[in-house]
Amino acid sequence: MSDMTPETVRHLAELARIALSEDEVSRLAGELSAIVDSVEAISKVAVADVLPTSHPVPLGNVFRDDVVGPTLTQAQALAGAPDHDGSRFRVTAILGEQA
């Protein structure tokens, strides 16, 4: 078990500029000891021939290829518009713009 003393916790808190009460120092000494022990245990298991990874399985491109398909004609696109001028959609002015 690692030796995370209250003095070490106070020193770390000072370096991080965190104000801790004595109750927090006592509690964190135990918690930080458990964290350090866990990291040490993992370090013992890790071997040099295992490459670090960010994902357990390789990632691939999930996008499909773009394929040109049938499109609407200009008249079909404007057919459902509430207002148009024959070639473009007509919308109300925004941001104080004048038509």
Protein backbone atom coordinates (compact mmCIF):
# COMPACT_ATOMS: atom_id res chain seq x y z
CA MET A 1 0.00 0.00 0.00
CA SER A 2 1.28 3.45 -0.87
CA ASP A 3 2.11 5.92 1.84
CA MET A 4 -0.11 8.94 1.15
CA THR A 5 0.28 10.96 4.34
CA PRO A 6 -1.82 13.96 5.34
CA GLU A 7 1.32 16.09 4.88
CA THR A 8 1.59 14.90 1.28
CA VAL A 9 -2.09 15.71 0.69
CA ARG A 10 -1.63 19.18 2.16
CA HIS A 11 1.44 19.72 -0.07
CA LEU A 12 -0.48 18.60 -3.19
CA ALA A 13 -3.42 20.83 -2.23
CA GLU A 14 -1.05 23.76 -1.82
CA LEU A 15 0.51 23.13 -5.22
CA ALA A 16 -2.97 22.96 -6.77
CA ARG A 17 -4.05 26.00 -4.74
CA ILE A 18 -6.98 24.12 -3.24
CA ALA A 19 -8.10 24.88 0.30
CA LEU A 20 -8.88 21.68 2.21
CA SER A 21 -10.30 21.19 5.69
CA GLU A 22 -8.67 18.67 8.03
CA ASP A 23 -11.56 16.27 7.43
CA GLU A 24 -10.96 16.49 3.66
CA VAL A 25 -7.22 15.95 4.14
CA SER A 26 -7.86 12.79 6.18
CA ARG A 27 -10.42 11.45 3.70
CA LEU A 28 -8.32 12.28 0.64
CA ALA A 29 -5.22 10.62 2.12
CA GLY A 30 -7.04 7.29 2.04
CA GLU A 31 -8.66 7.87 -1.35
CA LEU A 32 -5.43 8.97 -3.00
CA SER A 33 -3.62 5.96 -1.52
CA ALA A 34 -6.21 3.67 -3.13
CA ILE A 35 -5.80 5.47 -6.48
CA VAL A 36 -1.99 5.23 -6.37
CA ASP A 37 -2.22 1.53 -5.45
CA SER A 38 -4.57 0.91 -8.39
CA VAL A 39 -2.23 2.65 -10.82
CA GLU A 40 0.72 0.63 -9.47
CA ALA A 41 -1.23 -2.61 -9.94
CA ILE A 42 -2.09 -1.71 -13.53
CA SER A 43 1.53 -0.74 -14.21
CA LYS A 44 2.67 -4.19 -13.09
CA VAL A 45 0.23 -5.89 -15.48
CA ALA A 46 0.97 -3.74 -18.52
CA VAL A 47 3.60 -5.25 -20.80
CA ALA A 48 5.84 -3.60 -23.35
CA ASP A 49 4.48 -5.53 -26.36
CA VAL A 50 0.90 -4.27 -25.88
CA LEU A 51 0.32 -1.13 -27.90
CA PRO A 52 -1.73 1.67 -26.35
CA THR A 53 -5.15 2.08 -27.96
CA SER A 54 -8.00 4.51 -27.76
CA HIS A 55 -10.61 1.96 -28.89
CA PRO A 56 -10.83 -1.80 -28.36
CA VAL A 57 -11.72 -2.42 -32.01
CA PRO A 58 -10.36 -0.72 -35.14
CA LEU A 59 -12.52 2.09 -36.44
CA GLY A 60 -13.46 2.47 -40.08
CA ASN A 61 -15.21 5.03 -42.20
CA VAL A 62 -18.94 4.59 -41.67
CA PHE A 63 -20.03 6.89 -44.47
CA ARG A 64 -21.42 5.56 -47.70
CA ASP A 65 -20.18 6.73 -51.08
CA ASP A 66 -22.04 9.65 -52.61
CA VAL A 67 -24.20 8.42 -55.45
CA VAL A 68 -26.02 10.78 -57.76
CA GLY A 69 -29.68 9.89 -57.84
CA PRO A 70 -32.86 11.38 -59.19
CA THR A 71 -33.40 15.02 -58.21
CA LEU A 72 -36.35 17.37 -58.25
CA THR A 73 -36.82 19.77 -61.09
CA GLN A 74 -37.02 23.44 -60.21
CA ALA A 75 -40.80 23.37 -60.75
CA GLN A 76 -41.20 20.32 -58.48
CA ALA A 77 -39.15 21.95 -55.73
CA LEU A 78 -41.16 25.19 -55.92
CA ALA A 79 -44.51 23.37 -56.11
CA GLY A 80 -44.71 22.92 -52.33
CA ALA A 81 -43.41 26.37 -51.43
CA PRO A 82 -45.88 28.77 -49.83
CA ASP A 83 -44.47 31.61 -51.95
CA HIS A 84 -42.02 31.80 -54.85
CA ASP A 85 -41.23 34.05 -57.80
CA GLY A 86 -41.02 31.28 -60.40
CA SER A 87 -37.34 30.51 -59.90
CA ARG A 88 -36.66 31.02 -56.17
CA PHE A 89 -38.34 30.60 -52.80
CA ARG A 90 -39.70 33.88 -51.46
CA VAL A 91 -39.39 34.44 -47.70
CA THR A 92 -40.09 37.37 -45.43
CA ALA A 93 -37.30 39.82 -44.75
CA ILE A 94 -35.20 39.19 -41.67
CA LEU A 95 -32.76 41.30 -39.65
CA GLY A 96 -34.34 44.54 -40.82
CA GLU A 97 -33.58 43.93 -44.50
CA GLN A 98 -35.87 45.46 -47.07
CA ALA A 99 -37.09 43.49 -50.10
